[in-house]
């Protein structure tokens, strides 16, 4: 891991990006306090996370659909909504 002040990072940004692309982690500091990190890219991580979240949402809806099978309010929906507001 490389630690570098923000001013120097600005002047060497292209070089630092190349190092990050090659697997190096760079911490950018201001007055010795870490402010940001440059990290290597992870191929497809956003796409995989979105796909994983979509699968979880779909599974949740499937579970809710299964739960409501055979369940009836025995009253019109509008009456149930009104009763819930009282």
PDB file of N, CA and C in Angstrom:
ATOM      1  N   UNK A   1       0.847  -1.176   0.000  1.00  0.00           N
ATOM      2  CA  UNK A   1       0.000   0.000   0.000  1.00  0.00           C
ATOM      3  C   UNK A   1       0.892   1.238   0.000  1.00  0.00           C
ATOM      4  N   UNK A   2       0.519   2.191  -0.821  1.00  0.00           N
ATOM      5  CA  UNK A   2       1.252   3.448  -0.945  1.00  0.00           C
ATOM      6  C   UNK A   2       0.410   4.552  -0.314  1.00  0.00           C
ATOM      7  N   UNK A   3       1.037   5.427   0.450  1.00  0.00           N
ATOM      8  CA  UNK A   3       0.367   6.597   1.024  1.00  0.00           C
ATOM      9  C   UNK A   3       0.993   7.829   0.390  1.00  0.00           C
ATOM     10  N   UNK A   4       0.133   8.744  -0.085  1.00  0.00           N
ATOM     11  CA  UNK A   4       0.640   9.893  -0.829  1.00  0.00           C
ATOM     12  C   UNK A   4      -0.197  11.133  -0.509  1.00  0.00           C
ATOM     13  N   UNK A   5       0.441  12.292  -0.308  1.00  0.00           N
ATOM     14  CA  UNK A   5      -0.319  13.523  -0.055  1.00  0.00           C
ATOM     15  C   UNK A   5      -1.143  13.931  -1.278  1.00  0.00           C
ATOM     16  N   UNK A   6      -2.249  14.615  -1.048  1.00  0.00           N
ATOM     17  CA  UNK A   6      -3.173  14.983  -2.112  1.00  0.00           C
ATOM     18  C   UNK A   6      -2.494  15.823  -3.198  1.00  0.00           C
ATOM     19  N   UNK A   7      -1.641  16.759  -2.829  1.00  0.00           N
ATOM     20  CA  UNK A   7      -0.972  17.595  -3.838  1.00  0.00           C
ATOM     21  C   UNK A   7      -0.128  16.745  -4.774  1.00  0.00           C
ATOM     22  N   UNK A   8       0.632  15.826  -4.196  1.00  0.00           N
ATOM     23  CA  UNK A   8       1.465  14.947  -5.012  1.00  0.00           C
ATOM     24  C   UNK A   8       0.604  14.007  -5.858  1.00  0.00           C
ATOM     25  N   UNK A   9      -0.521  13.552  -5.287  1.00  0.00           N
ATOM     26  CA  UNK A   9      -1.428  12.677  -6.044  1.00  0.00           C
ATOM     27  C   UNK A   9      -1.973  13.388  -7.269  1.00  0.00           C
ATOM     28  N   UNK A  10      -2.283  14.681  -7.118  1.00  0.00           N
ATOM     29  CA  UNK A  10      -2.798  15.441  -8.264  1.00  0.00           C
ATOM     30  C   UNK A  10      -1.761  15.514  -9.380  1.00  0.00           C
ATOM     31  N   UNK A  11      -0.507  15.693  -9.011  1.00  0.00           N
ATOM     32  CA  UNK A  11       0.526  15.839 -10.033  1.00  0.00           C
ATOM     33  C   UNK A  11       0.941  14.496 -10.634  1.00  0.00           C
ATOM     34  N   UNK A  12       0.657  13.400  -9.944  1.00  0.00           N
ATOM     35  CA  UNK A  12       1.061  12.070 -10.427  1.00  0.00           C
ATOM     36  C   UNK A  12      -0.136  11.161 -10.692  1.00  0.00           C
ATOM     37  N   UNK A  13      -1.317  11.738 -10.941  1.00  0.00           N
ATOM     38  CA  UNK A  13      -2.549  10.950 -11.044  1.00  0.00           C
ATOM     39  C   UNK A  13      -2.457   9.829 -12.082  1.00  0.00           C
ATOM     40  N   UNK A  14      -1.957  10.120 -13.271  1.00  0.00           N
ATOM     41  CA  UNK A  14      -1.866   9.091 -14.314  1.00  0.00           C
ATOM     42  C   UNK A  14      -1.028   7.910 -13.850  1.00  0.00           C
ATOM     43  N   UNK A  15       0.097   8.198 -13.236  1.00  0.00           N
ATOM     44  CA  UNK A  15       0.985   7.141 -12.727  1.00  0.00           C
ATOM     45  C   UNK A  15       0.288   6.329 -11.633  1.00  0.00           C
ATOM     46  N   UNK A  16      -0.407   7.024 -10.729  1.00  0.00           N
ATOM     47  CA  UNK A  16      -1.100   6.330  -9.637  1.00  0.00           C
ATOM     48  C   UNK A  16      -2.235   5.449 -10.162  1.00  0.00           C
ATOM     49  N   UNK A  17      -2.949   5.939 -11.166  1.00  0.00           N
ATOM     50  CA  UNK A  17      -4.016   5.130 -11.761  1.00  0.00           C
ATOM     51  C   UNK A  17      -3.447   3.860 -12.392  1.00  0.00           C
ATOM     52  N   UNK A  18      -2.304   4.003 -13.039  1.00  0.00           N
ATOM     53  CA  UNK A  18      -1.668   2.839 -13.648  1.00  0.00           C
ATOM     54  C   UNK A  18      -1.251   1.835 -12.570  1.00  0.00           C
ATOM     55  N   UNK A  19      -0.716   2.342 -11.456  1.00  0.00           N
ATOM     56  CA  UNK A  19      -0.325   1.449 -10.361  1.00  0.00           C
ATOM     57  C   UNK A  19      -1.544   0.743  -9.769  1.00  0.00           C
ATOM     58  N   UNK A  20      -2.642   1.474  -9.612  1.00  0.00           N
ATOM     59  CA  UNK A  20      -3.864   0.872  -9.078  1.00  0.00           C
ATOM     60  C   UNK A  20      -4.374  -0.204 -10.037  1.00  0.00           C
ATOM     61  N   UNK A  21      -4.328   0.069 -11.314  1.00  0.00           N
ATOM     62  CA  UNK A  21      -4.774  -0.905 -12.300  1.00  0.00           C
ATOM     63  C   UNK A  21      -3.946  -2.182 -12.224  1.00  0.00           C
ATOM     64  N   UNK A  22      -2.693  -2.048 -11.825  1.00  0.00           N
ATOM     65  CA  UNK A  22      -1.797  -3.206 -11.720  1.00  0.00           C
ATOM     66  C   UNK A  22      -1.906  -3.910 -10.360  1.00  0.00           C
ATOM     67  N   UNK A  23      -2.830  -3.445  -9.512  1.00  0.00           N
ATOM     68  CA  UNK A  23      -3.076  -4.151  -8.259  1.00  0.00           C
ATOM     69  C   UNK A  23      -2.649  -3.427  -6.998  1.00  0.00           C
ATOM     70  N   UNK A  24      -2.019  -2.284  -7.128  1.00  0.00           N
ATOM     71  CA  UNK A  24      -1.553  -1.531  -5.954  1.00  0.00           C
ATOM     72  C   UNK A  24      -2.697  -0.733  -5.343  1.00  0.00           C
ATOM     73  N   UNK A  25      -2.716  -0.624  -4.021  1.00  0.00           N
ATOM     74  CA  UNK A  25      -3.683   0.230  -3.325  1.00  0.00           C
ATOM     75  C   UNK A  25      -2.967   1.501  -2.904  1.00  0.00           C
ATOM     76  N   UNK A  26      -3.563   2.655  -3.215  1.00  0.00           N
ATOM     77  CA  UNK A  26      -2.964   3.948  -2.901  1.00  0.00           C
ATOM     78  C   UNK A  26      -3.898   4.723  -1.991  1.00  0.00           C
ATOM     79  N   UNK A  27      -3.374   5.180  -0.857  1.00  0.00           N
ATOM     80  CA  UNK A  27      -4.149   6.000   0.070  1.00  0.00           C
ATOM     81  C   UNK A  27      -3.719   7.446  -0.124  1.00  0.00           C
ATOM     82  N   UNK A  28      -4.687   8.309  -0.388  1.00  0.00           N
ATOM     83  CA  UNK A  28      -4.409   9.734  -0.576  1.00  0.00           C
ATOM     84  C   UNK A  28      -4.706  10.445   0.735  1.00  0.00           C
ATOM     85  N   UNK A  29      -3.732  11.222   1.218  1.00  0.00           N
ATOM     86  CA  UNK A  29      -3.855  11.863   2.527  1.00  0.00           C
ATOM     87  C   UNK A  29      -3.855  13.385   2.412  1.00  0.00           C
ATOM     88  N   UNK A  30      -4.431  14.030   3.412  1.00  0.00           N
ATOM     89  CA  UNK A  30      -4.353  15.486   3.554  1.00  0.00           C
ATOM     90  C   UNK A  30      -3.898  15.741   4.987  1.00  0.00           C
ATOM     91  N   UNK A  31      -2.752  16.368   5.124  1.00  0.00           N
ATOM     92  CA  UNK A  31      -2.152  16.628   6.443  1.00  0.00           C
ATOM     93  C   UNK A  31      -2.005  15.323   7.227  1.00  0.00           C
ATOM     94  N   UNK A  32      -1.657  14.250   6.508  1.00  0.00           N
ATOM     95  CA  UNK A  32      -1.423  12.956   7.146  1.00  0.00           C
ATOM     96  C   UNK A  32      -2.680  12.148   7.443  1.00  0.00           C
ATOM     97  N   UNK A  33      -3.844  12.697   7.153  1.00  0.00           N
ATOM     98  CA  UNK A  33      -5.115  12.008   7.419  1.00  0.00           C
ATOM     99  C   UNK A  33      -5.618  11.379   6.117  1.00  0.00           C
ATOM    100  N   UNK A  34      -5.903  10.072   6.122  1.00  0.00           N
ATOM    101  CA  UNK A  34      -6.408   9.429   4.906  1.00  0.00           C
ATOM    102  C   UNK A  34      -7.713  10.075   4.445  1.00  0.00           C
ATOM    103  N   UNK A  35      -7.777  10.411   3.148  1.00  0.00           N
ATOM    104  CA  UNK A  35      -8.961  11.058   2.577  1.00  0.00           C
ATOM    105  C   UNK A  35      -9.644  10.180   1.532  1.00  0.00           C
ATOM    106  N   UNK A  36      -8.868   9.356   0.821  1.00  0.00           N
ATOM    107  CA  UNK A  36      -9.432   8.527  -0.245  1.00  0.00           C
ATOM    108  C   UNK A  36      -8.479   7.374  -0.536  1.00  0.00           C
ATOM    109  N   UNK A  37      -9.021   6.384  -1.234  1.00  0.00           N
ATOM    110  CA  UNK A  37      -8.206   5.242  -1.651  1.00  0.00           C
ATOM    111  C   UNK A  37      -8.413   4.987  -3.134  1.00  0.00           C
ATOM    112  N   UNK A  38      -7.341   4.706  -3.821  1.00  0.00           N
ATOM    113  CA  UNK A  38      -7.401   4.187  -5.182  1.00  0.00           C
ATOM    114  C   UNK A  38      -7.147   2.699  -5.060  1.00  0.00           C
ATOM    115  N   UNK A  39      -8.055   1.914  -5.570  1.00  0.00           N
ATOM    116  CA  UNK A  39      -7.922   0.456  -5.473  1.00  0.00           C
ATOM    117  C   UNK A  39      -8.051  -0.150  -6.860  1.00  0.00           C
ATOM    118  N   UNK A  40      -7.525  -1.354  -7.039  1.00  0.00           N
ATOM    119  CA  UNK A  40      -7.644  -2.013  -8.339  1.00  0.00           C
ATOM    120  C   UNK A  40      -9.114  -2.261  -8.689  1.00  0.00           C
ATOM    121  N   UNK A  41      -9.445  -2.194  -9.968  1.00  0.00           N
ATOM    122  CA  UNK A  41     -10.830  -2.476 -10.360  1.00  0.00           C
ATOM    123  C   UNK A  41     -11.137  -3.953 -10.183  1.00  0.00           C
ATOM    124  N   UNK A  42     -12.395  -4.237  -9.876  1.00  0.00           N
ATOM    125  CA  UNK A  42     -12.857  -5.614  -9.777  1.00  0.00           C
ATOM    126  C   UNK A  42     -13.789  -5.846 -10.957  1.00  0.00           C
ATOM    127  N   UNK A  43     -13.409  -6.705 -11.856  1.00  0.00           N
ATOM    128  CA  UNK A  43     -14.174  -6.938 -13.073  1.00  0.00           C
ATOM    129  C   UNK A  43     -15.564  -7.459 -12.757  1.00  0.00           C
ATOM    130  N   UNK A  44     -16.567  -6.780 -13.278  1.00  0.00           N
ATOM    131  CA  UNK A  44     -17.944  -7.248 -13.181  1.00  0.00           C
ATOM    132  C   UNK A  44     -18.558  -7.196 -11.803  1.00  0.00           C
ATOM    133  N   UNK A  45     -17.889  -6.561 -10.820  1.00  0.00           N
ATOM    134  CA  UNK A  45     -18.415  -6.589  -9.450  1.00  0.00           C
ATOM    135  C   UNK A  45     -19.747  -5.867  -9.339  1.00  0.00           C
ATOM    136  N   UNK A  46     -19.902  -4.725 -10.016  1.00  0.00           N
ATOM    137  CA  UNK A  46     -21.182  -4.005  -9.960  1.00  0.00           C
ATOM    138  C   UNK A  46     -22.279  -4.795 -10.630  1.00  0.00           C
ATOM    139  N   UNK A  47     -21.948  -5.374 -11.776  1.00  0.00           N
ATOM    140  CA  UNK A  47     -22.929  -6.169 -12.513  1.00  0.00           C
ATOM    141  C   UNK A  47     -23.347  -7.369 -11.671  1.00  0.00           C
ATOM    142  N   UNK A  48     -22.378  -8.029 -11.030  1.00  0.00           N
ATOM    143  CA  UNK A  48     -22.687  -9.197 -10.199  1.00  0.00           C
ATOM    144  C   UNK A  48     -23.528  -8.796  -8.998  1.00  0.00           C
ATOM    145  N   UNK A  49     -23.209  -7.646  -8.386  1.00  0.00           N
ATOM    146  CA  UNK A  49     -23.982  -7.181  -7.226  1.00  0.00           C
ATOM    147  C   UNK A  49     -25.411  -6.858  -7.628  1.00  0.00           C
ATOM    148  N   UNK A  50     -25.594  -6.201  -8.772  1.00  0.00           N
ATOM    149  CA  UNK A  50     -26.940  -5.873  -9.238  1.00  0.00           C
ATOM    150  C   UNK A  50     -27.717  -7.139  -9.554  1.00  0.00           C
ATOM    151  N   UNK A  51     -27.058  -8.096 -10.171  1.00  0.00           N
ATOM    152  CA  UNK A  51     -27.710  -9.362 -10.501  1.00  0.00           C
ATOM    153  C   UNK A  51     -28.095 -10.115  -9.233  1.00  0.00           C
ATOM    154  N   UNK A  52     -27.214 -10.109  -8.250  1.00  0.00           N
ATOM    155  CA  UNK A  52     -27.486 -10.772  -6.977  1.00  0.00           C
ATOM    156  C   UNK A  52     -28.669 -10.117  -6.271  1.00  0.00           C
ATOM    157  N   UNK A  53     -28.709  -8.789  -6.275  1.00  0.00           N
ATOM    158  CA  UNK A  53     -29.814  -8.070  -5.642  1.00  0.00           C
ATOM    159  C   UNK A  53     -31.121  -8.361  -6.371  1.00  0.00           C
ATOM    160  N   UNK A  54     -31.081  -8.411  -7.683  1.00  0.00           N
ATOM    161  CA  UNK A  54     -32.289  -8.714  -8.462  1.00  0.00           C
ATOM    162  C   UNK A  54     -32.803 -10.108  -8.124  1.00  0.00           C
ATOM    163  N   UNK A  55     -31.896 -11.070  -7.954  1.00  0.00           N
ATOM    164  CA  UNK A  55     -32.312 -12.428  -7.578  1.00  0.00           C
ATOM    165  C   UNK A  55     -32.948 -12.449  -6.194  1.00  0.00           C
ATOM    166  N   UNK A  56     -32.387 -11.669  -5.253  1.00  0.00           N
ATOM    167  CA  UNK A  56     -32.960 -11.622  -3.893  1.00  0.00           C
ATOM    168  C   UNK A  56     -34.344 -10.995  -3.905  1.00  0.00           C
ATOM    169  N   UNK A  57     -34.526  -9.932  -4.687  1.00  0.00           N
ATOM    170  CA  UNK A  57     -35.828  -9.273  -4.783  1.00  0.00           C
ATOM    171  C   UNK A  57     -36.849 -10.233  -5.398  1.00  0.00           C
ATOM    172  N   UNK A  58     -36.446 -10.907  -6.457  1.00  0.00           N
ATOM    173  CA  UNK A  58     -37.348 -11.863  -7.104  1.00  0.00           C
ATOM    174  C   UNK A  58     -37.739 -12.980  -6.137  1.00  0.00           C
ATOM    175  N   UNK A  59     -36.781 -13.477  -5.368  1.00  0.00           N
ATOM    176  CA  UNK A  59     -37.075 -14.531  -4.390  1.00  0.00           C
ATOM    177  C   UNK A  59     -38.031 -14.023  -3.314  1.00  0.00           C
ATOM    178  N   UNK A  60     -37.855 -12.774  -2.887  1.00  0.00           N
ATOM    179  CA  UNK A  60     -38.754 -12.203  -1.872  1.00  0.00           C
ATOM    180  C   UNK A  60     -40.176 -12.107  -2.405  1.00  0.00           C
ATOM    181  N   UNK A  61     -40.333 -11.652  -3.651  1.00  0.00           N
ATOM    182  CA  UNK A  61     -41.670 -11.574  -4.241  1.00  0.00           C
ATOM    183  C   UNK A  61     -42.281 -12.965  -4.394  1.00  0.00           C
ATOM    184  N   UNK A  62     -41.470 -13.934  -4.782  1.00  0.00           N
ATOM    185  CA  UNK A  62     -41.975 -15.307  -4.895  1.00  0.00           C
ATOM    186  C   UNK A  62     -42.460 -15.814  -3.536  1.00  0.00           C
ATOM    187  N   UNK A  63     -41.698 -15.505  -2.477  1.00  0.00           N
ATOM    188  CA  UNK A  63     -42.099 -15.918  -1.134  1.00  0.00           C
ATOM    189  C   UNK A  63     -43.417 -15.266  -0.726  1.00  0.00           C
ATOM    190  N   UNK A  64     -43.564 -13.985  -1.026  1.00  0.00           N
ATOM    191  CA  UNK A  64     -44.818 -13.296  -0.691  1.00  0.00           C
ATOM    192  C   UNK A  64     -45.991 -13.877  -1.471  1.00  0.00           C
ATOM    193  N   UNK A  65     -45.761 -14.210  -2.727  1.00  0.00           N
ATOM    194  CA  UNK A  65     -46.809 -14.820  -3.545  1.00  0.00           C
ATOM    195  C   UNK A  65     -47.222 -16.159  -2.948  1.00  0.00           C
ATOM    196  N   UNK A  66     -46.228 -16.946  -2.523  1.00  0.00           N
ATOM    197  CA  UNK A  66     -46.532 -18.240  -1.905  1.00  0.00           C
ATOM    198  C   UNK A  66     -47.308 -18.060  -0.609  1.00  0.00           C
ATOM    199  N   UNK A  67     -46.949 -17.048   0.178  1.00  0.00           N
ATOM    200  CA  UNK A  67     -47.624 -16.815   1.461  1.00  0.00           C
ATOM    201  C   UNK A  67     -49.092 -16.457   1.294  1.00  0.00           C
ATOM    202  N   UNK A  68     -49.417 -15.747   0.234  1.00  0.00           N
ATOM    203  CA  UNK A  68     -50.792 -15.295   0.076  1.00  0.00           C
ATOM    204  C   UNK A  68     -51.703 -16.344  -0.542  1.00  0.00           C
ATOM    205  N   UNK A  69     -51.171 -17.460  -0.994  1.00  0.00           N
ATOM    206  CA  UNK A  69     -51.987 -18.511  -1.587  1.00  0.00           C
ATOM    207  C   UNK A  69     -52.987 -19.026  -0.558  1.00  0.00           C
ATOM    208  N   UNK A  70     -54.243 -19.011  -0.917  1.00  0.00           N
ATOM    209  CA  UNK A  70     -55.293 -19.525  -0.037  1.00  0.00           C
ATOM    210  C   UNK A  70     -55.719 -18.559   1.048  1.00  0.00           C
ATOM    211  N   UNK A  71     -55.184 -17.350   1.070  1.00  0.00           N
ATOM    212  CA  UNK A  71     -55.541 -16.364   2.095  1.00  0.00           C
ATOM    213  C   UNK A  71     -56.581 -15.415   1.506  1.00  0.00           C
ATOM    214  N   UNK A  72     -57.631 -15.179   2.272  1.00  0.00           N
ATOM    215  CA  UNK A  72     -58.684 -14.290   1.808  1.00  0.00           C
ATOM    216  C   UNK A  72     -59.045 -13.326   2.925  1.00  0.00           C
ATOM    217  N   UNK A  73     -59.379 -12.099   2.545  1.00  0.00           N
ATOM    218  CA  UNK A  73     -59.794 -11.099   3.540  1.00  0.00           C
ATOM    219  C   UNK A  73     -61.254 -11.278   3.938  1.00  0.00           C
ATOM    220  N   UNK A  74     -62.024 -11.946   3.096  1.00  0.00           N
ATOM    221  CA  UNK A  74     -63.466 -12.135   3.304  1.00  0.00           C
ATOM    222  C   UNK A  74     -64.233 -10.818   3.300  1.00  0.00           C
ATOM    223  N   UNK A  75     -63.576  -9.715   2.924  1.00  0.00           N
ATOM    224  CA  UNK A  75     -64.243  -8.426   2.759  1.00  0.00           C
ATOM    225  C   UNK A  75     -63.615  -7.734   1.559  1.00  0.00           C
ATOM    226  N   UNK A  76     -64.322  -6.802   0.948  1.00  0.00           N
ATOM    227  CA  UNK A  76     -63.701  -6.077  -0.170  1.00  0.00           C
ATOM    228  C   UNK A  76     -62.461  -5.303   0.285  1.00  0.00           C
ATOM    229  N   UNK A  77     -61.496  -5.206  -0.581  1.00  0.00           N
ATOM    230  CA  UNK A  77     -60.240  -4.537  -0.271  1.00  0.00           C
ATOM    231  C   UNK A  77     -60.468  -3.091   0.193  1.00  0.00           C
ATOM    232  N   UNK A  78     -61.349  -2.371  -0.445  1.00  0.00           N
ATOM    233  CA  UNK A  78     -61.619  -0.982  -0.061  1.00  0.00           C
ATOM    234  C   UNK A  78     -62.089  -0.900   1.375  1.00  0.00           C
ATOM    235  N   UNK A  79     -62.935  -1.855   1.822  1.00  0.00           N
ATOM    236  CA  UNK A  79     -63.399  -1.873   3.213  1.00  0.00           C
ATOM    237  C   UNK A  79     -62.237  -2.156   4.172  1.00  0.00           C
ATOM    238  N   UNK A  80     -61.334  -3.044   3.773  1.00  0.00           N
ATOM    239  CA  UNK A  80     -60.190  -3.356   4.617  1.00  0.00           C
ATOM    240  C   UNK A  80     -59.272  -2.146   4.769  1.00  0.00           C
ATOM    241  N   UNK A  81     -59.087  -1.405   3.672  1.00  0.00           N
ATOM    242  CA  UNK A  81     -58.245  -0.213   3.719  1.00  0.00           C
ATOM    243  C   UNK A  81     -58.878   0.820   4.640  1.00  0.00           C
ATOM    244  N   UNK A  82     -60.180   1.021   4.480  1.00  0.00           N
ATOM    245  CA  UNK A  82     -60.890   1.990   5.357  1.00  0.00           C
ATOM    246  C   UNK A  82     -60.783   1.585   6.809  1.00  0.00           C
ATOM    247  N   UNK A  83     -60.927   0.312   7.085  1.00  0.00           N
ATOM    248  CA  UNK A  83     -60.845  -0.177   8.468  1.00  0.00           C
ATOM    249  C   UNK A  83     -59.445   0.034   9.036  1.00  0.00           C
ATOM    250  N   UNK A  84     -58.440  -0.100   8.191  1.00  0.00           N
ATOM    251  CA  UNK A  84     -57.060   0.114   8.636  1.00  0.00           C
ATOM    252  C   UNK A  84     -56.766   1.560   8.954  1.00  0.00           C
ATOM    253  N   UNK A  85     -57.528   2.473   8.364  1.00  0.00           N
ATOM    254  CA  UNK A  85     -57.324   3.905   8.605  1.00  0.00           C
ATOM    255  C   UNK A  85     -58.039   4.383   9.838  1.00  0.00           C
ATOM    256  N   UNK A  86     -59.003   3.638  10.307  1.00  0.00           N
ATOM    257  CA  UNK A  86     -59.774   4.046  11.507  1.00  0.00           C
ATOM    258  C   UNK A  86     -59.013   3.828  12.767  1.00  0.00           C
TER     259      UNK A  86
END
